[in-house]
């Protein structure tokens, strides 16, 4: 380490605690939810209207936009993204 007063990175700490993957999943979902909300604003779509266009419930749309809900499928995210003129891209790095 270049600085003797600097500890490990946040990622290292989270990994040591065994929660890195969970935190990364929530962070990714937060970004996706934010991007969907921004796209909805651009298109002046309410949650109710998005649910109608997705042929689903408003509750399901709330799940899609909730970063802490880990039960949303990629297929559901793809449907929501398509309606707001976007697409989901998943990449392994």
PDB file of N, CA and C in Angstrom:
ATOM      1  N   UNK A   1       0.834  -1.194   0.000  1.00  0.00           N
ATOM      2  CA  UNK A   1       0.000   0.000   0.000  1.00  0.00           C
ATOM      3  C   UNK A   1       0.872   1.247   0.000  1.00  0.00           C
ATOM      4  N   UNK A   2       0.463   2.223  -0.752  1.00  0.00           N
ATOM      5  CA  UNK A   2       1.224   3.463  -0.845  1.00  0.00           C
ATOM      6  C   UNK A   2       1.103   4.287   0.432  1.00  0.00           C
ATOM      7  N   UNK A   3      -0.040   4.265   1.061  1.00  0.00           N
ATOM      8  CA  UNK A   3      -0.277   5.048   2.267  1.00  0.00           C
ATOM      9  C   UNK A   3      -0.494   4.095   3.428  1.00  0.00           C
ATOM     10  N   UNK A   4       0.390   4.135   4.426  1.00  0.00           N
ATOM     11  CA  UNK A   4       0.291   3.189   5.546  1.00  0.00           C
ATOM     12  C   UNK A   4      -0.932   3.445   6.425  1.00  0.00           C
ATOM     13  N   UNK A   5      -1.554   4.612   6.274  1.00  0.00           N
ATOM     14  CA  UNK A   5      -2.736   4.943   7.079  1.00  0.00           C
ATOM     15  C   UNK A   5      -4.039   4.552   6.393  1.00  0.00           C
ATOM     16  N   UNK A   6      -3.932   4.071   5.160  1.00  0.00           N
ATOM     17  CA  UNK A   6      -5.125   3.714   4.406  1.00  0.00           C
ATOM     18  C   UNK A   6      -5.404   2.223   4.578  1.00  0.00           C
ATOM     19  N   UNK A   7      -6.634   1.893   4.857  1.00  0.00           N
ATOM     20  CA  UNK A   7      -7.027   0.498   5.005  1.00  0.00           C
ATOM     21  C   UNK A   7      -7.384  -0.117   3.660  1.00  0.00           C
ATOM     22  N   UNK A   8      -8.059  -1.218   3.734  1.00  0.00           N
ATOM     23  CA  UNK A   8      -8.472  -1.902   2.515  1.00  0.00           C
ATOM     24  C   UNK A   8      -9.588  -1.116   1.830  1.00  0.00           C
ATOM     25  N   UNK A   9      -9.883  -1.494   0.602  1.00  0.00           N
ATOM     26  CA  UNK A   9     -10.966  -0.837  -0.123  1.00  0.00           C
ATOM     27  C   UNK A   9     -12.309  -1.298   0.439  1.00  0.00           C
ATOM     28  N   UNK A  10     -13.335  -0.571   0.075  1.00  0.00           N
ATOM     29  CA  UNK A  10     -14.687  -0.954   0.502  1.00  0.00           C
ATOM     30  C   UNK A  10     -15.027  -2.335  -0.031  1.00  0.00           C
ATOM     31  N   UNK A  11     -14.667  -2.592  -1.290  1.00  0.00           N
ATOM     32  CA  UNK A  11     -14.924  -3.922  -1.860  1.00  0.00           C
ATOM     33  C   UNK A  11     -14.233  -5.011  -1.050  1.00  0.00           C
ATOM     34  N   UNK A  12     -12.979  -4.770  -0.648  1.00  0.00           N
ATOM     35  CA  UNK A  12     -12.263  -5.757   0.158  1.00  0.00           C
ATOM     36  C   UNK A  12     -12.975  -5.986   1.489  1.00  0.00           C
ATOM     37  N   UNK A  13     -13.416  -4.894   2.115  1.00  0.00           N
ATOM     38  CA  UNK A  13     -14.118  -5.009   3.390  1.00  0.00           C
ATOM     39  C   UNK A  13     -15.409  -5.810   3.230  1.00  0.00           C
ATOM     40  N   UNK A  14     -16.203  -5.466   2.199  1.00  0.00           N
ATOM     41  CA  UNK A  14     -17.464  -6.171   1.983  1.00  0.00           C
ATOM     42  C   UNK A  14     -17.229  -7.645   1.669  1.00  0.00           C
ATOM     43  N   UNK A  15     -16.171  -7.931   0.926  1.00  0.00           N
ATOM     44  CA  UNK A  15     -15.825  -9.319   0.612  1.00  0.00           C
ATOM     45  C   UNK A  15     -15.464 -10.075   1.895  1.00  0.00           C
ATOM     46  N   UNK A  16     -14.668  -9.449   2.751  1.00  0.00           N
ATOM     47  CA  UNK A  16     -14.290 -10.072   4.026  1.00  0.00           C
ATOM     48  C   UNK A  16     -15.517 -10.357   4.884  1.00  0.00           C
ATOM     49  N   UNK A  17     -16.514  -9.469   4.794  1.00  0.00           N
ATOM     50  CA  UNK A  17     -17.745  -9.643   5.565  1.00  0.00           C
ATOM     51  C   UNK A  17     -18.708 -10.626   4.897  1.00  0.00           C
ATOM     52  N   UNK A  18     -18.399 -11.022   3.668  1.00  0.00           N
ATOM     53  CA  UNK A  18     -19.244 -11.982   2.951  1.00  0.00           C
ATOM     54  C   UNK A  18     -20.494 -11.392   2.353  1.00  0.00           C
ATOM     55  N   UNK A  19     -20.497 -10.073   2.121  1.00  0.00           N
ATOM     56  CA  UNK A  19     -21.706  -9.415   1.610  1.00  0.00           C
ATOM     57  C   UNK A  19     -21.469  -8.633   0.318  1.00  0.00           C
ATOM     58  N   UNK A  20     -20.317  -8.789  -0.302  1.00  0.00           N
ATOM     59  CA  UNK A  20     -19.996  -8.020  -1.504  1.00  0.00           C
ATOM     60  C   UNK A  20     -21.014  -8.249  -2.611  1.00  0.00           C
ATOM     61  N   UNK A  21     -21.334  -9.497  -2.894  1.00  0.00           N
ATOM     62  CA  UNK A  21     -22.258  -9.796  -3.992  1.00  0.00           C
ATOM     63  C   UNK A  21     -23.640  -9.197  -3.745  1.00  0.00           C
ATOM     64  N   UNK A  22     -24.101  -9.265  -2.520  1.00  0.00           N
ATOM     65  CA  UNK A  22     -25.417  -8.711  -2.195  1.00  0.00           C
ATOM     66  C   UNK A  22     -25.429  -7.191  -2.397  1.00  0.00           C
ATOM     67  N   UNK A  23     -24.365  -6.518  -1.952  1.00  0.00           N
ATOM     68  CA  UNK A  23     -24.294  -5.074  -2.129  1.00  0.00           C
ATOM     69  C   UNK A  23     -24.190  -4.700  -3.602  1.00  0.00           C
ATOM     70  N   UNK A  24     -23.426  -5.473  -4.369  1.00  0.00           N
ATOM     71  CA  UNK A  24     -23.315  -5.204  -5.797  1.00  0.00           C
ATOM     72  C   UNK A  24     -24.658  -5.379  -6.494  1.00  0.00           C
ATOM     73  N   UNK A  25     -25.404  -6.401  -6.112  1.00  0.00           N
ATOM     74  CA  UNK A  25     -26.716  -6.646  -6.725  1.00  0.00           C
ATOM     75  C   UNK A  25     -27.659  -5.479  -6.461  1.00  0.00           C
ATOM     76  N   UNK A  26     -27.672  -4.982  -5.238  1.00  0.00           N
ATOM     77  CA  UNK A  26     -28.544  -3.852  -4.908  1.00  0.00           C
ATOM     78  C   UNK A  26     -28.098  -2.607  -5.671  1.00  0.00           C
ATOM     79  N   UNK A  27     -26.795  -2.385  -5.772  1.00  0.00           N
ATOM     80  CA  UNK A  27     -26.289  -1.210  -6.495  1.00  0.00           C
ATOM     81  C   UNK A  27     -26.679  -1.270  -7.969  1.00  0.00           C
ATOM     82  N   UNK A  28     -26.558  -2.428  -8.578  1.00  0.00           N
ATOM     83  CA  UNK A  28     -26.936  -2.586  -9.982  1.00  0.00           C
ATOM     84  C   UNK A  28     -28.426  -2.318 -10.140  1.00  0.00           C
ATOM     85  N   UNK A  29     -29.230  -2.880  -9.258  1.00  0.00           N
ATOM     86  CA  UNK A  29     -30.683  -2.698  -9.322  1.00  0.00           C
ATOM     87  C   UNK A  29     -31.063  -1.230  -9.107  1.00  0.00           C
ATOM     88  N   UNK A  30     -30.323  -0.520  -8.223  1.00  0.00           N
ATOM     89  CA  UNK A  30     -30.597   0.900  -8.013  1.00  0.00           C
ATOM     90  C   UNK A  30     -30.374   1.696  -9.299  1.00  0.00           C
ATOM     91  N   UNK A  31     -29.312   1.378 -10.013  1.00  0.00           N
ATOM     92  CA  UNK A  31     -29.020   2.077 -11.264  1.00  0.00           C
ATOM     93  C   UNK A  31     -30.104   1.791 -12.301  1.00  0.00           C
ATOM     94  N   UNK A  32     -30.492   0.532 -12.409  1.00  0.00           N
ATOM     95  CA  UNK A  32     -31.536   0.164 -13.378  1.00  0.00           C
ATOM     96  C   UNK A  32     -32.855   0.851 -13.032  1.00  0.00           C
ATOM     97  N   UNK A  33     -33.221   0.832 -11.762  1.00  0.00           N
ATOM     98  CA  UNK A  33     -34.464   1.477 -11.334  1.00  0.00           C
ATOM     99  C   UNK A  33     -34.417   2.979 -11.633  1.00  0.00           C
ATOM    100  N   UNK A  34     -33.289   3.617 -11.346  1.00  0.00           N
ATOM    101  CA  UNK A  34     -33.147   5.044 -11.607  1.00  0.00           C
ATOM    102  C   UNK A  34     -33.258   5.325 -13.105  1.00  0.00           C
ATOM    103  N   UNK A  35     -32.596   4.502 -13.924  1.00  0.00           N
ATOM    104  CA  UNK A  35     -32.664   4.693 -15.367  1.00  0.00           C
ATOM    105  C   UNK A  35     -34.089   4.520 -15.887  1.00  0.00           C
ATOM    106  N   UNK A  36     -34.791   3.536 -15.374  1.00  0.00           N
ATOM    107  CA  UNK A  36     -36.196   3.343 -15.784  1.00  0.00           C
ATOM    108  C   UNK A  36     -37.046   4.539 -15.374  1.00  0.00           C
ATOM    109  N   UNK A  37     -36.867   5.024 -14.149  1.00  0.00           N
ATOM    110  CA  UNK A  37     -37.641   6.184 -13.694  1.00  0.00           C
ATOM    111  C   UNK A  37     -37.356   7.417 -14.558  1.00  0.00           C
ATOM    112  N   UNK A  38     -36.091   7.635 -14.904  1.00  0.00           N
ATOM    113  CA  UNK A  38     -35.738   8.768 -15.758  1.00  0.00           C
ATOM    114  C   UNK A  38     -36.379   8.635 -17.145  1.00  0.00           C
ATOM    115  N   UNK A  39     -36.337   7.431 -17.695  1.00  0.00           N
ATOM    116  CA  UNK A  39     -36.946   7.193 -19.012  1.00  0.00           C
ATOM    117  C   UNK A  39     -38.463   7.369 -18.937  1.00  0.00           C
ATOM    118  N   UNK A  40     -39.067   6.950 -17.818  1.00  0.00           N
ATOM    119  CA  UNK A  40     -40.503   7.149 -17.636  1.00  0.00           C
ATOM    120  C   UNK A  40     -40.833   8.640 -17.608  1.00  0.00           C
ATOM    121  N   UNK A  41     -40.016   9.426 -16.904  1.00  0.00           N
ATOM    122  CA  UNK A  41     -40.237  10.876 -16.841  1.00  0.00           C
ATOM    123  C   UNK A  41     -40.151  11.490 -18.237  1.00  0.00           C
ATOM    124  N   UNK A  42     -39.118  11.080 -19.008  1.00  0.00           N
ATOM    125  CA  UNK A  42     -38.944  11.604 -20.364  1.00  0.00           C
ATOM    126  C   UNK A  42     -40.176  11.334 -21.223  1.00  0.00           C
ATOM    127  N   UNK A  43     -40.776  10.174 -21.044  1.00  0.00           N
ATOM    128  CA  UNK A  43     -41.935   9.783 -21.843  1.00  0.00           C
ATOM    129  C   UNK A  43     -43.258  10.124 -21.160  1.00  0.00           C
ATOM    130  N   UNK A  44     -43.161  10.759 -19.993  1.00  0.00           N
ATOM    131  CA  UNK A  44     -44.343  11.151 -19.218  1.00  0.00           C
ATOM    132  C   UNK A  44     -45.248   9.952 -18.940  1.00  0.00           C
ATOM    133  N   UNK A  45     -44.604   8.860 -18.510  1.00  0.00           N
ATOM    134  CA  UNK A  45     -45.339   7.633 -18.169  1.00  0.00           C
ATOM    135  C   UNK A  45     -45.454   7.506 -16.656  1.00  0.00           C
ATOM    136  N   UNK A  46     -46.658   7.286 -16.181  1.00  0.00           N
ATOM    137  CA  UNK A  46     -46.857   7.002 -14.762  1.00  0.00           C
ATOM    138  C   UNK A  46     -46.619   5.512 -14.524  1.00  0.00           C
ATOM    139  N   UNK A  47     -46.504   5.142 -13.266  1.00  0.00           N
ATOM    140  CA  UNK A  47     -46.373   3.720 -12.930  1.00  0.00           C
ATOM    141  C   UNK A  47     -47.607   2.950 -13.394  1.00  0.00           C
ATOM    142  N   UNK A  48     -48.754   3.576 -13.235  1.00  0.00           N
ATOM    143  CA  UNK A  48     -50.003   2.928 -13.653  1.00  0.00           C
ATOM    144  C   UNK A  48     -49.997   2.665 -15.151  1.00  0.00           C
ATOM    145  N   UNK A  49     -49.570   3.659 -15.928  1.00  0.00           N
ATOM    146  CA  UNK A  49     -49.546   3.512 -17.380  1.00  0.00           C
ATOM    147  C   UNK A  49     -48.500   2.480 -17.813  1.00  0.00           C
ATOM    148  N   UNK A  50     -47.348   2.474 -17.150  1.00  0.00           N
ATOM    149  CA  UNK A  50     -46.328   1.469 -17.457  1.00  0.00           C
ATOM    150  C   UNK A  50     -46.873   0.078 -17.179  1.00  0.00           C
ATOM    151  N   UNK A  51     -47.540  -0.087 -16.062  1.00  0.00           N
ATOM    152  CA  UNK A  51     -48.130  -1.387 -15.729  1.00  0.00           C
ATOM    153  C   UNK A  51     -49.137  -1.810 -16.798  1.00  0.00           C
ATOM    154  N   UNK A  52     -49.946  -0.875 -17.231  1.00  0.00           N
ATOM    155  CA  UNK A  52     -50.938  -1.168 -18.276  1.00  0.00           C
ATOM    156  C   UNK A  52     -50.247  -1.607 -19.569  1.00  0.00           C
ATOM    157  N   UNK A  53     -49.216  -0.902 -19.975  1.00  0.00           N
ATOM    158  CA  UNK A  53     -48.494  -1.239 -21.202  1.00  0.00           C
ATOM    159  C   UNK A  53     -47.738  -2.563 -21.088  1.00  0.00           C
ATOM    160  N   UNK A  54     -47.290  -2.881 -19.863  1.00  0.00           N
ATOM    161  CA  UNK A  54     -46.593  -4.153 -19.631  1.00  0.00           C
ATOM    162  C   UNK A  54     -47.582  -5.308 -19.445  1.00  0.00           C
ATOM    163  N   UNK A  55     -48.864  -4.971 -19.358  1.00  0.00           N
ATOM    164  CA  UNK A  55     -49.906  -5.967 -19.084  1.00  0.00           C
ATOM    165  C   UNK A  55     -49.627  -6.693 -17.767  1.00  0.00           C
ATOM    166  N   UNK A  56     -49.377  -5.865 -16.758  1.00  0.00           N
ATOM    167  CA  UNK A  56     -49.098  -6.379 -15.428  1.00  0.00           C
ATOM    168  C   UNK A  56     -49.725  -5.441 -14.405  1.00  0.00           C
ATOM    169  N   UNK A  57     -49.457  -5.684 -13.147  1.00  0.00           N
ATOM    170  CA  UNK A  57     -50.036  -4.874 -12.080  1.00  0.00           C
ATOM    171  C   UNK A  57     -49.107  -3.724 -11.688  1.00  0.00           C
ATOM    172  N   UNK A  58     -49.675  -2.750 -11.062  1.00  0.00           N
ATOM    173  CA  UNK A  58     -48.899  -1.631 -10.524  1.00  0.00           C
ATOM    174  C   UNK A  58     -47.931  -2.147  -9.463  1.00  0.00           C
ATOM    175  N   UNK A  59     -48.349  -3.172  -8.724  1.00  0.00           N
ATOM    176  CA  UNK A  59     -47.486  -3.780  -7.713  1.00  0.00           C
ATOM    177  C   UNK A  59     -46.225  -4.352  -8.344  1.00  0.00           C
ATOM    178  N   UNK A  60     -46.366  -4.980  -9.507  1.00  0.00           N
ATOM    179  CA  UNK A  60     -45.196  -5.537 -10.206  1.00  0.00           C
ATOM    180  C   UNK A  60     -44.263  -4.413 -10.653  1.00  0.00           C
ATOM    181  N   UNK A  61     -44.816  -3.314 -11.116  1.00  0.00           N
ATOM    182  CA  UNK A  61     -43.992  -2.167 -11.508  1.00  0.00           C
ATOM    183  C   UNK A  61     -43.252  -1.633 -10.283  1.00  0.00           C
ATOM    184  N   UNK A  62     -43.921  -1.577  -9.144  1.00  0.00           N
ATOM    185  CA  UNK A  62     -43.248  -1.155  -7.910  1.00  0.00           C
ATOM    186  C   UNK A  62     -42.074  -2.082  -7.593  1.00  0.00           C
ATOM    187  N   UNK A  63     -42.242  -3.381  -7.815  1.00  0.00           N
ATOM    188  CA  UNK A  63     -41.144  -4.330  -7.584  1.00  0.00           C
ATOM    189  C   UNK A  63     -39.975  -4.061  -8.528  1.00  0.00           C
ATOM    190  N   UNK A  64     -40.288  -3.778  -9.784  1.00  0.00           N
ATOM    191  CA  UNK A  64     -39.246  -3.491 -10.771  1.00  0.00           C
ATOM    192  C   UNK A  64     -38.442  -2.260 -10.342  1.00  0.00           C
ATOM    193  N   UNK A  65     -39.103  -1.276  -9.769  1.00  0.00           N
ATOM    194  CA  UNK A  65     -38.461  -0.019  -9.392  1.00  0.00           C
ATOM    195  C   UNK A  65     -37.899  -0.035  -7.968  1.00  0.00           C
ATOM    196  N   UNK A  66     -38.024  -1.169  -7.258  1.00  0.00           N
ATOM    197  CA  UNK A  66     -37.523  -1.285  -5.887  1.00  0.00           C
ATOM    198  C   UNK A  66     -36.172  -1.991  -5.897  1.00  0.00           C
ATOM    199  N   UNK A  67     -35.085  -1.264  -5.610  1.00  0.00           N
ATOM    200  CA  UNK A  67     -33.753  -1.871  -5.668  1.00  0.00           C
ATOM    201  C   UNK A  67     -33.535  -2.996  -4.656  1.00  0.00           C
ATOM    202  N   UNK A  68     -34.350  -3.043  -3.618  1.00  0.00           N
ATOM    203  CA  UNK A  68     -34.158  -4.087  -2.609  1.00  0.00           C
ATOM    204  C   UNK A  68     -34.931  -5.360  -2.930  1.00  0.00           C
ATOM    205  N   UNK A  69     -35.770  -5.315  -3.949  1.00  0.00           N
ATOM    206  CA  UNK A  69     -36.537  -6.507  -4.330  1.00  0.00           C
ATOM    207  C   UNK A  69     -35.709  -7.333  -5.306  1.00  0.00           C
ATOM    208  N   UNK A  70     -35.249  -8.472  -4.856  1.00  0.00           N
ATOM    209  CA  UNK A  70     -34.396  -9.322  -5.683  1.00  0.00           C
ATOM    210  C   UNK A  70     -35.156 -10.332  -6.504  1.00  0.00           C
ATOM    211  N   UNK A  71     -36.466 -10.211  -6.589  1.00  0.00           N
ATOM    212  CA  UNK A  71     -37.281 -11.214  -7.278  1.00  0.00           C
ATOM    213  C   UNK A  71     -37.780 -10.754  -8.641  1.00  0.00           C
ATOM    214  N   UNK A  72     -37.103  -9.824  -9.257  1.00  0.00           N
ATOM    215  CA  UNK A  72     -37.506  -9.341 -10.573  1.00  0.00           C
ATOM    216  C   UNK A  72     -36.631 -10.036 -11.614  1.00  0.00           C
ATOM    217  N   UNK A  73     -37.273 -10.604 -12.616  1.00  0.00           N
ATOM    218  CA  UNK A  73     -36.515 -11.335 -13.635  1.00  0.00           C
ATOM    219  C   UNK A  73     -35.959 -10.385 -14.699  1.00  0.00           C
ATOM    220  N   UNK A  74     -34.963 -10.865 -15.397  1.00  0.00           N
ATOM    221  CA  UNK A  74     -34.405 -10.093 -16.504  1.00  0.00           C
ATOM    222  C   UNK A  74     -35.473  -9.876 -17.570  1.00  0.00           C
ATOM    223  N   UNK A  75     -36.310 -10.873 -17.787  1.00  0.00           N
ATOM    224  CA  UNK A  75     -37.385 -10.744 -18.782  1.00  0.00           C
ATOM    225  C   UNK A  75     -38.322  -9.585 -18.426  1.00  0.00           C
ATOM    226  N   UNK A  76     -38.636  -9.438 -17.157  1.00  0.00           N
ATOM    227  CA  UNK A  76     -39.498  -8.339 -16.722  1.00  0.00           C
ATOM    228  C   UNK A  76     -38.802  -7.000 -16.935  1.00  0.00           C
ATOM    229  N   UNK A  77     -37.519  -6.939 -16.596  1.00  0.00           N
ATOM    230  CA  UNK A  77     -36.754  -5.715 -16.817  1.00  0.00           C
ATOM    231  C   UNK A  77     -36.696  -5.380 -18.307  1.00  0.00           C
ATOM    232  N   UNK A  78     -36.551  -6.392 -19.144  1.00  0.00           N
ATOM    233  CA  UNK A  78     -36.516  -6.177 -20.588  1.00  0.00           C
ATOM    234  C   UNK A  78     -37.838  -5.612 -21.095  1.00  0.00           C
ATOM    235  N   UNK A  79     -38.951  -6.143 -20.593  1.00  0.00           N
ATOM    236  CA  UNK A  79     -40.268  -5.639 -21.013  1.00  0.00           C
ATOM    237  C   UNK A  79     -40.435  -4.174 -20.635  1.00  0.00           C
ATOM    238  N   UNK A  80     -40.062  -3.850 -19.395  1.00  0.00           N
ATOM    239  CA  UNK A  80     -40.182  -2.463 -18.932  1.00  0.00           C
ATOM    240  C   UNK A  80     -39.272  -1.553 -19.752  1.00  0.00           C
ATOM    241  N   UNK A  81     -38.052  -1.992 -19.990  1.00  0.00           N
ATOM    242  CA  UNK A  81     -37.099  -1.190 -20.754  1.00  0.00           C
ATOM    243  C   UNK A  81     -37.593  -0.946 -22.178  1.00  0.00           C
ATOM    244  N   UNK A  82     -38.135  -1.959 -22.800  1.00  0.00           N
ATOM    245  CA  UNK A  82     -38.624  -1.820 -24.177  1.00  0.00           C
ATOM    246  C   UNK A  82     -39.728  -0.779 -24.263  1.00  0.00           C
ATOM    247  N   UNK A  83     -40.584  -0.738 -23.279  1.00  0.00           N
ATOM    248  CA  UNK A  83     -41.700   0.206 -23.290  1.00  0.00           C
ATOM    249  C   UNK A  83     -41.202   1.646 -23.198  1.00  0.00           C
ATOM    250  N   UNK A  84     -40.098   1.857 -22.482  1.00  0.00           N
ATOM    251  CA  UNK A  84     -39.563   3.217 -22.361  1.00  0.00           C
ATOM    252  C   UNK A  84     -38.483   3.493 -23.412  1.00  0.00           C
ATOM    253  N   UNK A  85     -38.381   2.609 -24.407  1.00  0.00           N
ATOM    254  CA  UNK A  85     -37.456   2.833 -25.504  1.00  0.00           C
ATOM    255  C   UNK A  85     -36.009   2.483 -25.202  1.00  0.00           C
ATOM    256  N   UNK A  86     -35.805   1.636 -24.252  1.00  0.00           N
ATOM    257  CA  UNK A  86     -34.453   1.217 -23.870  1.00  0.00           C
ATOM    258  C   UNK A  86     -34.342  -0.286 -23.979  1.00  0.00           C
ATOM    259  N   UNK A  87     -33.158  -0.807 -23.689  1.00  0.00           N
ATOM    260  CA  UNK A  87     -32.968  -2.252 -23.640  1.00  0.00           C
ATOM    261  C   UNK A  87     -32.041  -2.585 -22.485  1.00  0.00           C
ATOM    262  N   UNK A  88     -32.112  -3.800 -22.023  1.00  0.00           N
ATOM    263  CA  UNK A  88     -31.260  -4.276 -20.931  1.00  0.00           C
ATOM    264  C   UNK A  88     -30.069  -4.983 -21.558  1.00  0.00           C
ATOM    265  N   UNK A  89     -28.886  -4.652 -21.059  1.00  0.00           N
ATOM    266  CA  UNK A  89     -27.675  -5.286 -21.536  1.00  0.00           C
ATOM    267  C   UNK A  89     -26.959  -5.882 -20.322  1.00  0.00           C
ATOM    268  N   UNK A  90     -26.735  -7.187 -20.358  1.00  0.00           N
ATOM    269  CA  UNK A  90     -26.053  -7.870 -19.262  1.00  0.00           C
ATOM    270  C   UNK A  90     -24.695  -8.322 -19.771  1.00  0.00           C
ATOM    271  N   UNK A  91     -23.674  -8.129 -18.943  1.00  0.00           N
ATOM    272  CA  UNK A  91     -22.326  -8.427 -19.374  1.00  0.00           C
ATOM    273  C   UNK A  91     -21.536  -9.039 -18.213  1.00  0.00           C
ATOM    274  N   UNK A  92     -20.797 -10.074 -18.491  1.00  0.00           N
ATOM    275  CA  UNK A  92     -19.891 -10.629 -17.490  1.00  0.00           C
ATOM    276  C   UNK A  92     -18.523 -10.009 -17.688  1.00  0.00           C
ATOM    277  N   UNK A  93     -17.937  -9.525 -16.621  1.00  0.00           N
ATOM    278  CA  UNK A  93     -16.606  -8.914 -16.734  1.00  0.00           C
ATOM    279  C   UNK A  93     -15.642  -9.580 -15.775  1.00  0.00           C
TER     280      UNK A  93
END
